[in-house]
Full PDB file with SEQRES, HELIX, SHEET, SSBOND, CRYST1, ORIGX, SCALE, CONECT and MASTER records, all heavy atoms in Angstrom:
SEQRES   1 A   38  GLY PHE ALA ILE ASP ARG ARG PHE ILE ARG GLU GLN THR          
SEQRES   2 A   38  LEU ARG GLY LEU PRO VAL VAL PRO LEU ASP GLU LEU GLU          
SEQRES   3 A   38  ALA ARG PHE PRO PRO GLU ALA THR ASP ALA PHE VAL              
HELIX    1 AA1 ARG A    6  PHE A    8  5                                   3    
HELIX    2 AA2 LEU A   22  GLU A   24  5                                   3    
HELIX    3 AA3 LEU A   25  ARG A   28  1                                   4    
SHEET    1 AA1 3 PHE A   2  ILE A   4  0                                        
SHEET    2 AA1 3 LEU A  17  PRO A  21  1                                        
SHEET    3 AA1 3 THR A  13  LEU A  14 -1                                        
CRYST1    1.000    1.000    1.000  90.00  90.00  90.00 P 1           1          
ORIGX1      1.000000  0.000000  0.000000        0.00000                         
ORIGX2      0.000000  1.000000  0.000000        0.00000                         
ORIGX3      0.000000  0.000000  1.000000        0.00000                         
SCALE1      1.000000  0.000000  0.000000        0.00000                         
SCALE2      0.000000  1.000000  0.000000        0.00000                         
SCALE3      0.000000  0.000000  1.000000        0.00000                         
ATOM      1  N   GLY A   1       5.435  -0.318   3.565  1.00  0.00           N  
ATOM      2  CA  GLY A   1       4.460   0.630   3.303  1.00  0.00           C  
ATOM      3  C   GLY A   1       3.104   0.220   3.744  1.00  0.00           C  
ATOM      4  O   GLY A   1       2.975  -0.765   4.434  1.00  0.00           O  
ATOM      5  N   PHE A   2       2.086   1.026   3.326  1.00  0.00           N  
ATOM      6  CA  PHE A   2       0.662   0.727   3.693  1.00  0.00           C  
ATOM      7  C   PHE A   2      -0.196   0.674   2.461  1.00  0.00           C  
ATOM      8  O   PHE A   2       0.157   1.289   1.452  1.00  0.00           O  
ATOM      9  CB  PHE A   2       0.104   1.823   4.664  1.00  0.00           C  
ATOM     10  CG  PHE A   2       0.921   2.041   5.917  1.00  0.00           C  
ATOM     11  CD1 PHE A   2       2.058   2.808   5.963  1.00  0.00           C  
ATOM     12  CD2 PHE A   2       0.529   1.384   7.042  1.00  0.00           C  
ATOM     13  CE1 PHE A   2       2.722   2.998   7.124  1.00  0.00           C  
ATOM     14  CE2 PHE A   2       1.205   1.552   8.244  1.00  0.00           C  
ATOM     15  CZ  PHE A   2       2.370   2.325   8.205  1.00  0.00           C  
ATOM     16  N   ALA A   3      -1.330  -0.047   2.538  1.00  0.00           N  
ATOM     17  CA  ALA A   3      -2.194  -0.066   1.363  1.00  0.00           C  
ATOM     18  C   ALA A   3      -3.649   0.006   1.805  1.00  0.00           C  
ATOM     19  O   ALA A   3      -3.988  -0.743   2.775  1.00  0.00           O  
ATOM     20  CB  ALA A   3      -1.969  -1.436   0.533  1.00  0.00           C  
ATOM     21  N   ILE A   4      -4.470   0.780   1.154  1.00  0.00           N  
ATOM     22  CA  ILE A   4      -5.855   0.907   1.476  1.00  0.00           C  
ATOM     23  C   ILE A   4      -6.624   1.130   0.244  1.00  0.00           C  
ATOM     24  O   ILE A   4      -6.025   1.364  -0.883  1.00  0.00           O  
ATOM     25  CB  ILE A   4      -6.175   2.009   2.477  1.00  0.00           C  
ATOM     26  CG1 ILE A   4      -5.707   3.403   1.936  1.00  0.00           C  
ATOM     27  CG2 ILE A   4      -5.479   1.774   3.811  1.00  0.00           C  
ATOM     28  CD1 ILE A   4      -6.114   4.553   2.826  1.00  0.00           C  
ATOM     29  N   ASP A   5      -7.969   1.023   0.286  1.00  0.00           N  
ATOM     30  CA  ASP A   5      -8.831   1.414  -0.806  1.00  0.00           C  
ATOM     31  C   ASP A   5      -8.439   2.773  -1.352  1.00  0.00           C  
ATOM     32  O   ASP A   5      -8.368   3.763  -0.538  1.00  0.00           O  
ATOM     33  CB  ASP A   5     -10.313   1.281  -0.383  1.00  0.00           C  
ATOM     34  CG  ASP A   5     -11.270   1.368  -1.539  1.00  0.00           C  
ATOM     35  OD1 ASP A   5     -11.285   2.398  -2.188  1.00  0.00           O  
ATOM     36  OD2 ASP A   5     -11.939   0.351  -1.814  1.00  0.00           O  
ATOM     37  N   ARG A   6      -8.383   2.903  -2.607  1.00  0.00           N  
ATOM     38  CA  ARG A   6      -8.055   4.278  -3.235  1.00  0.00           C  
ATOM     39  C   ARG A   6      -8.994   5.389  -2.741  1.00  0.00           C  
ATOM     40  O   ARG A   6      -8.529   6.510  -2.609  1.00  0.00           O  
ATOM     41  CB  ARG A   6      -8.181   4.130  -4.732  1.00  0.00           C  
ATOM     42  CG  ARG A   6      -7.765   5.333  -5.549  1.00  0.00           C  
ATOM     43  CD  ARG A   6      -7.934   5.140  -7.033  1.00  0.00           C  
ATOM     44  NE  ARG A   6      -7.046   4.067  -7.544  1.00  0.00           N  
ATOM     45  CZ  ARG A   6      -5.818   4.340  -7.921  1.00  0.00           C  
ATOM     46  NH1 ARG A   6      -5.307   5.562  -7.842  1.00  0.00           N  
ATOM     47  NH2 ARG A   6      -5.032   3.290  -8.355  1.00  0.00           N  
ATOM     48  N   ARG A   7     -10.235   5.078  -2.532  1.00  0.00           N  
ATOM     49  CA  ARG A   7     -11.232   6.128  -2.098  1.00  0.00           C  
ATOM     50  C   ARG A   7     -10.887   6.751  -0.754  1.00  0.00           C  
ATOM     51  O   ARG A   7     -11.267   7.844  -0.458  1.00  0.00           O  
ATOM     52  CB  ARG A   7     -12.604   5.537  -2.008  1.00  0.00           C  
ATOM     53  CG  ARG A   7     -13.150   4.988  -3.270  1.00  0.00           C  
ATOM     54  CD  ARG A   7     -14.457   4.197  -3.013  1.00  0.00           C  
ATOM     55  NE  ARG A   7     -14.192   3.070  -2.193  1.00  0.00           N  
ATOM     56  CZ  ARG A   7     -15.217   2.299  -1.611  1.00  0.00           C  
ATOM     57  NH1 ARG A   7     -16.436   2.675  -1.806  1.00  0.00           N  
ATOM     58  NH2 ARG A   7     -14.885   1.277  -0.911  1.00  0.00           N  
ATOM     59  N   PHE A   8     -10.047   5.994   0.084  1.00  0.00           N  
ATOM     60  CA  PHE A   8      -9.828   6.533   1.417  1.00  0.00           C  
ATOM     61  C   PHE A   8      -8.470   7.126   1.598  1.00  0.00           C  
ATOM     62  O   PHE A   8      -8.116   7.484   2.758  1.00  0.00           O  
ATOM     63  CB  PHE A   8     -10.064   5.353   2.411  1.00  0.00           C  
ATOM     64  CG  PHE A   8     -11.401   4.679   2.305  1.00  0.00           C  
ATOM     65  CD1 PHE A   8     -11.569   3.393   2.204  1.00  0.00           C  
ATOM     66  CD2 PHE A   8     -12.522   5.486   2.371  1.00  0.00           C  
ATOM     67  CE1 PHE A   8     -12.822   2.791   2.135  1.00  0.00           C  
ATOM     68  CE2 PHE A   8     -13.803   4.964   2.318  1.00  0.00           C  
ATOM     69  CZ  PHE A   8     -13.981   3.574   2.148  1.00  0.00           C  
ATOM     70  N   ILE A   9      -7.661   7.195   0.593  1.00  0.00           N  
ATOM     71  CA  ILE A   9      -6.344   7.744   0.702  1.00  0.00           C  
ATOM     72  C   ILE A   9      -6.463   9.310   0.840  1.00  0.00           C  
ATOM     73  O   ILE A   9      -6.979   9.964  -0.024  1.00  0.00           O  
ATOM     74  CB  ILE A   9      -5.485   7.415  -0.524  1.00  0.00           C  
ATOM     75  CG1 ILE A   9      -5.179   5.929  -0.569  1.00  0.00           C  
ATOM     76  CG2 ILE A   9      -4.121   8.181  -0.525  1.00  0.00           C  
ATOM     77  CD1 ILE A   9      -4.345   5.432  -1.760  1.00  0.00           C  
ATOM     78  N   ARG A  10      -5.941   9.830   1.958  1.00  0.00           N  
ATOM     79  CA  ARG A  10      -5.932  11.213   2.216  1.00  0.00           C  
ATOM     80  C   ARG A  10      -4.522  11.845   2.145  1.00  0.00           C  
ATOM     81  O   ARG A  10      -4.310  12.987   1.837  1.00  0.00           O  
ATOM     82  CB  ARG A  10      -6.538  11.511   3.605  1.00  0.00           C  
ATOM     83  CG  ARG A  10      -7.935  11.046   3.778  1.00  0.00           C  
ATOM     84  CD  ARG A  10      -8.912  11.908   2.930  1.00  0.00           C  
ATOM     85  NE  ARG A  10     -10.311  11.453   3.014  1.00  0.00           N  
ATOM     86  CZ  ARG A  10     -10.895  10.575   2.246  1.00  0.00           C  
ATOM     87  NH1 ARG A  10     -10.234  10.077   1.182  1.00  0.00           N  
ATOM     88  NH2 ARG A  10     -12.116  10.219   2.396  1.00  0.00           N  
ATOM     89  N   GLU A  11      -3.527  10.994   2.554  1.00  0.00           N  
ATOM     90  CA  GLU A  11      -2.154  11.409   2.430  1.00  0.00           C  
ATOM     91  C   GLU A  11      -1.399  10.310   1.705  1.00  0.00           C  
ATOM     92  O   GLU A  11      -1.735   9.146   1.753  1.00  0.00           O  
ATOM     93  CB  GLU A  11      -1.581  11.558   3.877  1.00  0.00           C  
ATOM     94  CG  GLU A  11      -2.342  12.567   4.735  1.00  0.00           C  
ATOM     95  CD  GLU A  11      -2.059  13.991   4.352  1.00  0.00           C  
ATOM     96  OE1 GLU A  11      -1.037  14.234   3.604  1.00  0.00           O  
ATOM     97  OE2 GLU A  11      -2.778  14.887   4.778  1.00  0.00           O  
ATOM     98  N   GLN A  12      -0.292  10.725   1.087  1.00  0.00           N  
ATOM     99  CA  GLN A  12       0.509   9.807   0.329  1.00  0.00           C  
ATOM    100  C   GLN A  12       1.513   9.029   1.134  1.00  0.00           C  
ATOM    101  O   GLN A  12       2.120   8.009   0.636  1.00  0.00           O  
ATOM    102  CB  GLN A  12       1.258  10.580  -0.798  1.00  0.00           C  
ATOM    103  CG  GLN A  12       0.356  11.246  -1.760  1.00  0.00           C  
ATOM    104  CD  GLN A  12      -0.652  10.261  -2.452  1.00  0.00           C  
ATOM    105  OE1 GLN A  12      -0.154   9.264  -3.002  1.00  0.00           O  
ATOM    106  NE2 GLN A  12      -1.904  10.570  -2.441  1.00  0.00           N  
ATOM    107  N   THR A  13       1.725   9.471   2.357  1.00  0.00           N  
ATOM    108  CA  THR A  13       2.716   8.755   3.167  1.00  0.00           C  
ATOM    109  C   THR A  13       2.136   8.632   4.665  1.00  0.00           C  
ATOM    110  O   THR A  13       1.229   9.398   5.035  1.00  0.00           O  
ATOM    111  CB  THR A  13       4.036   9.515   3.286  1.00  0.00           C  
ATOM    112  OG1 THR A  13       3.875  10.740   3.934  1.00  0.00           O  
ATOM    113  CG2 THR A  13       4.720   9.585   1.934  1.00  0.00           C  
ATOM    114  N   LEU A  14       2.594   7.699   5.383  1.00  0.00           N  
ATOM    115  CA  LEU A  14       2.250   7.467   6.795  1.00  0.00           C  
ATOM    116  C   LEU A  14       3.484   6.976   7.468  1.00  0.00           C  
ATOM    117  O   LEU A  14       4.129   6.012   7.063  1.00  0.00           O  
ATOM    118  CB  LEU A  14       1.113   6.433   7.005  1.00  0.00           C  
ATOM    119  CG  LEU A  14       0.654   6.126   8.358  1.00  0.00           C  
ATOM    120  CD1 LEU A  14       0.060   7.355   9.066  1.00  0.00           C  
ATOM    121  CD2 LEU A  14      -0.407   5.002   8.343  1.00  0.00           C  
ATOM    122  N   ARG A  15       3.873   7.668   8.592  1.00  0.00           N  
ATOM    123  CA  ARG A  15       5.170   7.324   9.229  1.00  0.00           C  
ATOM    124  C   ARG A  15       6.297   7.249   8.313  1.00  0.00           C  
ATOM    125  O   ARG A  15       7.263   6.488   8.474  1.00  0.00           O  
ATOM    126  CB  ARG A  15       4.977   5.995   9.999  1.00  0.00           C  
ATOM    127  CG  ARG A  15       3.953   6.026  11.149  1.00  0.00           C  
ATOM    128  CD  ARG A  15       3.788   4.710  11.842  1.00  0.00           C  
ATOM    129  NE  ARG A  15       5.079   4.228  12.448  1.00  0.00           N  
ATOM    130  CZ  ARG A  15       5.560   4.573  13.671  1.00  0.00           C  
ATOM    131  NH1 ARG A  15       4.726   5.327  14.454  1.00  0.00           N  
ATOM    132  NH2 ARG A  15       6.646   4.102  14.137  1.00  0.00           N  
ATOM    133  N   GLY A  16       6.246   8.149   7.295  1.00  0.00           N  
ATOM    134  CA  GLY A  16       7.422   8.217   6.321  1.00  0.00           C  
ATOM    135  C   GLY A  16       7.423   7.159   5.307  1.00  0.00           C  
ATOM    136  O   GLY A  16       8.376   7.078   4.489  1.00  0.00           O  
ATOM    137  N   LEU A  17       6.370   6.339   5.235  1.00  0.00           N  
ATOM    138  CA  LEU A  17       6.321   5.246   4.273  1.00  0.00           C  
ATOM    139  C   LEU A  17       5.166   5.460   3.278  1.00  0.00           C  
ATOM    140  O   LEU A  17       4.159   6.110   3.636  1.00  0.00           O  
ATOM    141  CB  LEU A  17       6.095   3.903   5.033  1.00  0.00           C  
ATOM    142  CG  LEU A  17       7.224   3.497   5.958  1.00  0.00           C  
ATOM    143  CD1 LEU A  17       6.772   2.391   6.845  1.00  0.00           C  
ATOM    144  CD2 LEU A  17       8.494   3.205   5.195  1.00  0.00           C  
ATOM    145  N   PRO A  18       5.215   4.929   2.076  1.00  0.00           N  
ATOM    146  CA  PRO A  18       4.153   5.168   1.112  1.00  0.00           C  
ATOM    147  C   PRO A  18       2.863   4.518   1.450  1.00  0.00           C  
ATOM    148  O   PRO A  18       2.801   3.374   1.984  1.00  0.00           O  
ATOM    149  CB  PRO A  18       4.761   4.590  -0.216  1.00  0.00           C  
ATOM    150  CG  PRO A  18       5.705   3.510   0.258  1.00  0.00           C  
ATOM    151  CD  PRO A  18       6.342   4.062   1.600  1.00  0.00           C  
ATOM    152  N   VAL A  19       1.752   5.162   1.108  1.00  0.00           N  
ATOM    153  CA  VAL A  19       0.420   4.663   1.180  1.00  0.00           C  
ATOM    154  C   VAL A  19      -0.067   4.469  -0.242  1.00  0.00           C  
ATOM    155  O   VAL A  19      -0.188   5.460  -1.000  1.00  0.00           O  
ATOM    156  CB  VAL A  19      -0.540   5.613   1.918  1.00  0.00           C  
ATOM    157  CG1 VAL A  19      -1.967   5.087   1.971  1.00  0.00           C  
ATOM    158  CG2 VAL A  19      -0.071   5.846   3.364  1.00  0.00           C  
ATOM    159  N   VAL A  20      -0.313   3.195  -0.634  1.00  0.00           N  
ATOM    160  CA  VAL A  20      -0.627   2.861  -2.029  1.00  0.00           C  
ATOM    161  C   VAL A  20      -2.023   2.379  -2.090  1.00  0.00           C  
ATOM    162  O   VAL A  20      -2.572   1.765  -1.210  1.00  0.00           O  
ATOM    163  CB  VAL A  20       0.326   1.838  -2.619  1.00  0.00           C  
ATOM    164  CG1 VAL A  20       1.769   2.358  -2.426  1.00  0.00           C  
ATOM    165  CG2 VAL A  20       0.189   0.525  -1.987  1.00  0.00           C  
ATOM    166  N   PRO A  21      -2.711   2.468  -3.274  1.00  0.00           N  
ATOM    167  CA  PRO A  21      -4.047   1.932  -3.437  1.00  0.00           C  
ATOM    168  C   PRO A  21      -4.006   0.413  -3.511  1.00  0.00           C  
ATOM    169  O   PRO A  21      -3.035  -0.200  -4.071  1.00  0.00           O  
ATOM    170  CB  PRO A  21      -4.541   2.507  -4.830  1.00  0.00           C  
ATOM    171  CG  PRO A  21      -3.572   3.601  -5.148  1.00  0.00           C  
ATOM    172  CD  PRO A  21      -2.226   3.250  -4.404  1.00  0.00           C  
ATOM    173  N   LEU A  22      -4.995  -0.220  -3.030  1.00  0.00           N  
ATOM    174  CA  LEU A  22      -5.044  -1.669  -3.038  1.00  0.00           C  
ATOM    175  C   LEU A  22      -4.967  -2.242  -4.449  1.00  0.00           C  
ATOM    176  O   LEU A  22      -4.484  -3.319  -4.648  1.00  0.00           O  
ATOM    177  CB  LEU A  22      -6.333  -2.171  -2.291  1.00  0.00           C  
ATOM    178  CG  LEU A  22      -6.246  -2.263  -0.752  1.00  0.00           C  
ATOM    179  CD1 LEU A  22      -7.623  -2.591  -0.209  1.00  0.00           C  
ATOM    180  CD2 LEU A  22      -5.227  -3.279  -0.310  1.00  0.00           C  
ATOM    181  N   ASP A  23      -5.519  -1.511  -5.437  1.00  0.00           N  
ATOM    182  CA  ASP A  23      -5.556  -2.041  -6.758  1.00  0.00           C  
ATOM    183  C   ASP A  23      -4.149  -1.995  -7.385  1.00  0.00           C  
ATOM    184  O   ASP A  23      -3.924  -2.482  -8.491  1.00  0.00           O  
ATOM    185  CB  ASP A  23      -6.575  -1.278  -7.730  1.00  0.00           C  
ATOM    186  CG  ASP A  23      -6.372   0.255  -7.671  1.00  0.00           C  
ATOM    187  OD1 ASP A  23      -5.247   0.661  -7.598  1.00  0.00           O  
ATOM    188  OD2 ASP A  23      -7.374   0.889  -7.730  1.00  0.00           O  
ATOM    189  N   GLU A  24      -3.147  -1.374  -6.692  1.00  0.00           N  
ATOM    190  CA  GLU A  24      -1.776  -1.377  -7.171  1.00  0.00           C  
ATOM    191  C   GLU A  24      -0.888  -2.227  -6.277  1.00  0.00           C  
ATOM    192  O   GLU A  24       0.325  -2.230  -6.417  1.00  0.00           O  
ATOM    193  CB  GLU A  24      -1.249   0.035  -7.156  1.00  0.00           C  
ATOM    194  CG  GLU A  24      -1.936   0.982  -8.168  1.00  0.00           C  
ATOM    195  CD  GLU A  24      -1.354   2.418  -8.188  1.00  0.00           C  
ATOM    196  OE1 GLU A  24      -0.311   2.601  -7.535  1.00  0.00           O  
ATOM    197  OE2 GLU A  24      -1.994   3.245  -8.779  1.00  0.00           O  
ATOM    198  N   LEU A  25      -1.501  -3.011  -5.396  1.00  0.00           N  
ATOM    199  CA  LEU A  25      -0.754  -3.681  -4.361  1.00  0.00           C  
ATOM    200  C   LEU A  25       0.347  -4.638  -4.950  1.00  0.00           C  
ATOM    201  O   LEU A  25       1.555  -4.611  -4.614  1.00  0.00           O  
ATOM    202  CB  LEU A  25      -1.634  -4.557  -3.429  1.00  0.00           C  
ATOM    203  CG  LEU A  25      -1.040  -5.201  -2.261  1.00  0.00           C  
ATOM    204  CD1 LEU A  25      -0.370  -4.252  -1.324  1.00  0.00           C  
ATOM    205  CD2 LEU A  25      -2.038  -6.035  -1.517  1.00  0.00           C  
ATOM    206  N   GLU A  26      -0.132  -5.518  -5.877  1.00  0.00           N  
ATOM    207  CA  GLU A  26       0.872  -6.516  -6.439  1.00  0.00           C  
ATOM    208  C   GLU A  26       1.940  -5.808  -7.202  1.00  0.00           C  
ATOM    209  O   GLU A  26       3.129  -6.264  -7.186  1.00  0.00           O  
ATOM    210  CB  GLU A  26       0.123  -7.500  -7.329  1.00  0.00           C  
ATOM    211  CG  GLU A  26      -0.733  -8.474  -6.557  1.00  0.00           C  
ATOM    212  CD  GLU A  26      -2.164  -8.126  -6.566  1.00  0.00           C  
ATOM    213  OE1 GLU A  26      -2.468  -6.868  -6.472  1.00  0.00           O  
ATOM    214  OE2 GLU A  26      -3.039  -8.979  -6.579  1.00  0.00           O  
ATOM    215  N   ALA A  27       1.657  -4.738  -7.937  1.00  0.00           N  
ATOM    216  CA  ALA A  27       2.669  -4.068  -8.694  1.00  0.00           C  
ATOM    217  C   ALA A  27       3.777  -3.393  -7.830  1.00  0.00           C  
ATOM    218  O   ALA A  27       4.885  -3.389  -8.116  1.00  0.00           O  
ATOM    219  CB  ALA A  27       2.047  -2.958  -9.596  1.00  0.00           C  
ATOM    220  N   ARG A  28       3.232  -2.822  -6.710  1.00  0.00           N  
ATOM    221  CA  ARG A  28       4.161  -2.086  -5.814  1.00  0.00           C  
ATOM    222  C   ARG A  28       4.895  -3.035  -4.847  1.00  0.00           C  
ATOM    223  O   ARG A  28       6.039  -2.800  -4.509  1.00  0.00           O  
ATOM    224  CB  ARG A  28       3.427  -0.991  -5.074  1.00  0.00           C  
ATOM    225  CG  ARG A  28       2.728   0.051  -5.927  1.00  0.00           C  
ATOM    226  CD  ARG A  28       3.799   1.032  -6.550  1.00  0.00           C  
ATOM    227  NE  ARG A  28       4.498   1.778  -5.496  1.00  0.00           N  
ATOM    228  CZ  ARG A  28       4.018   2.962  -5.032  1.00  0.00           C  
ATOM    229  NH1 ARG A  28       2.931   3.389  -5.483  1.00  0.00           N  
ATOM    230  NH2 ARG A  28       4.689   3.575  -4.117  1.00  0.00           N  
ATOM    231  N   PHE A  29       4.147  -4.018  -4.374  1.00  0.00           N  
ATOM    232  CA  PHE A  29       4.618  -4.932  -3.346  1.00  0.00           C  
ATOM    233  C   PHE A  29       4.260  -6.331  -3.725  1.00  0.00           C  
ATOM    234  O   PHE A  29       3.337  -6.998  -3.170  1.00  0.00           O  
ATOM    235  CB  PHE A  29       4.045  -4.649  -1.957  1.00  0.00           C  
ATOM    236  CG  PHE A  29       4.349  -3.243  -1.447  1.00  0.00           C  
ATOM    237  CD1 PHE A  29       3.265  -2.368  -1.412  1.00  0.00           C  
ATOM    238  CD2 PHE A  29       5.589  -2.807  -1.183  1.00  0.00           C  
ATOM    239  CE1 PHE A  29       3.443  -1.003  -0.952  1.00  0.00           C  
ATOM    240  CE2 PHE A  29       5.783  -1.479  -0.780  1.00  0.00           C  
ATOM    241  CZ  PHE A  29       4.742  -0.586  -0.649  1.00  0.00           C  
ATOM    242  N   PRO A  30       5.059  -6.929  -4.700  1.00  0.00           N  
ATOM    243  CA  PRO A  30       4.681  -8.283  -5.184  1.00  0.00           C  
ATOM    244  C   PRO A  30       4.724  -9.328  -4.133  1.00  0.00           C  
ATOM    245  O   PRO A  30       5.638  -9.279  -3.231  1.00  0.00           O  
ATOM    246  CB  PRO A  30       5.696  -8.505  -6.275  1.00  0.00           C  
ATOM    247  CG  PRO A  30       6.795  -7.580  -6.020  1.00  0.00           C  
ATOM    248  CD  PRO A  30       6.156  -6.395  -5.371  1.00  0.00           C  
ATOM    249  N   PRO A  31       3.797 -10.263  -4.050  1.00  0.00           N  
ATOM    250  CA  PRO A  31       3.787 -11.322  -2.992  1.00  0.00           C  
ATOM    251  C   PRO A  31       5.022 -12.221  -3.010  1.00  0.00           C  
ATOM    252  O   PRO A  31       5.317 -12.779  -1.938  1.00  0.00           O  
ATOM    253  CB  PRO A  31       2.544 -12.122  -3.268  1.00  0.00           C  
ATOM    254  CG  PRO A  31       2.235 -11.787  -4.704  1.00  0.00           C  
ATOM    255  CD  PRO A  31       2.710 -10.424  -5.005  1.00  0.00           C  
ATOM    256  N   GLU A  32       5.774 -12.251  -4.065  1.00  0.00           N  
ATOM    257  CA  GLU A  32       6.999 -13.034  -4.072  1.00  0.00           C  
ATOM    258  C   GLU A  32       8.093 -12.433  -3.195  1.00  0.00           C  
ATOM    259  O   GLU A  32       8.935 -13.160  -2.689  1.00  0.00           O  
ATOM    260  CB  GLU A  32       7.572 -13.228  -5.501  1.00  0.00           C  
ATOM    261  CG  GLU A  32       6.651 -13.902  -6.475  1.00  0.00           C  
ATOM    262  CD  GLU A  32       5.557 -13.014  -6.992  1.00  0.00           C  
ATOM    263  OE1 GLU A  32       5.609 -11.793  -6.811  1.00  0.00           O  
ATOM    264  OE2 GLU A  32       4.605 -13.548  -7.575  1.00  0.00           O  
ATOM    265  N   ALA A  33       7.954 -11.125  -2.970  1.00  0.00           N  
ATOM    266  CA  ALA A  33       9.015 -10.462  -2.243  1.00  0.00           C  
ATOM    267  C   ALA A  33       8.554  -9.760  -0.924  1.00  0.00           C  
ATOM    268  O   ALA A  33       9.326  -9.295  -0.182  1.00  0.00           O  
ATOM    269  CB  ALA A  33       9.647  -9.337  -3.137  1.00  0.00           C  
ATOM    270  N   THR A  34       7.189  -9.713  -0.784  1.00  0.00           N  
ATOM    271  CA  THR A  34       6.675  -8.977   0.386  1.00  0.00           C  
ATOM    272  C   THR A  34       5.542  -9.737   0.998  1.00  0.00           C  
ATOM    273  O   THR A  34       4.660 -10.286   0.246  1.00  0.00           O  
ATOM    274  CB  THR A  34       6.191  -7.609  -0.103  1.00  0.00           C  
ATOM    275  OG1 THR A  34       7.176  -6.946  -0.874  1.00  0.00           O  
ATOM    276  CG2 THR A  34       5.769  -6.769   1.111  1.00  0.00           C  
ATOM    277  N   ASP A  35       5.492  -9.866   2.306  1.00  0.00           N  
ATOM    278  CA  ASP A  35       4.369 -10.422   3.030  1.00  0.00           C  
ATOM    279  C   ASP A  35       3.330  -9.250   3.265  1.00  0.00           C  
ATOM    280  O   ASP A  35       3.676  -8.071   3.039  1.00  0.00           O  
ATOM    281  CB  ASP A  35       4.795 -11.024   4.335  1.00  0.00           C  
ATOM    282  CG  ASP A  35       5.672 -12.262   4.144  1.00  0.00           C  
ATOM    283  OD1 ASP A  35       5.744 -12.715   3.061  1.00  0.00           O  
ATOM    284  OD2 ASP A  35       6.283 -12.691   5.162  1.00  0.00           O  
ATOM    285  N   ALA A  36       2.152  -9.610   3.710  1.00  0.00           N  
ATOM    286  CA  ALA A  36       1.142  -8.631   3.985  1.00  0.00           C  
ATOM    287  C   ALA A  36       0.467  -8.939   5.329  1.00  0.00           C  
ATOM    288  O   ALA A  36       0.475 -10.048   5.839  1.00  0.00           O  
ATOM    289  CB  ALA A  36       0.026  -8.681   2.878  1.00  0.00           C  
ATOM    290  N   PHE A  37      -0.077  -7.902   5.920  1.00  0.00           N  
ATOM    291  CA  PHE A  37      -0.634  -7.968   7.277  1.00  0.00           C  
ATOM    292  C   PHE A  37      -1.815  -7.047   7.412  1.00  0.00           C  
ATOM    293  O   PHE A  37      -1.804  -5.886   7.152  1.00  0.00           O  
ATOM    294  CB  PHE A  37       0.437  -7.581   8.339  1.00  0.00           C  
ATOM    295  CG  PHE A  37       0.000  -7.906   9.752  1.00  0.00           C  
ATOM    296  CD1 PHE A  37       0.178  -9.227  10.236  1.00  0.00           C  
ATOM    297  CD2 PHE A  37      -0.569  -7.000  10.581  1.00  0.00           C  
ATOM    298  CE1 PHE A  37      -0.197  -9.556  11.537  1.00  0.00           C  
ATOM    299  CE2 PHE A  37      -1.013  -7.322  11.838  1.00  0.00           C  
ATOM    300  CZ  PHE A  37      -0.843  -8.603  12.323  1.00  0.00           C  
ATOM    301  N   VAL A  38      -2.969  -7.697   7.806  1.00  0.00           N  
ATOM    302  CA  VAL A  38      -4.205  -6.888   8.033  1.00  0.00           C  
ATOM    303  C   VAL A  38      -4.110  -6.209   9.306  1.00  0.00           C  
ATOM    304  O   VAL A  38      -3.965  -6.814  10.351  1.00  0.00           O  
ATOM    305  CB  VAL A  38      -5.469  -7.820   7.938  1.00  0.00           C  
ATOM    306  CG1 VAL A  38      -6.769  -7.028   8.176  1.00  0.00           C  
ATOM    307  CG2 VAL A  38      -5.485  -8.580   6.577  1.00  0.00           C  
TER     308      VAL A  38                                                      
MASTER        0    0    0    3    3    0    0    6  307    1    0    3          
END                                                                             
């Protein structure tokens, strides 16, 4: 999925994958199970 600042979310999905707020990042994609890329 993708993650951005909540203020800039316009669509809930991108390329068929979820777009989540950064303040929910660890809950949705915990670092123990998911890497991240800027």
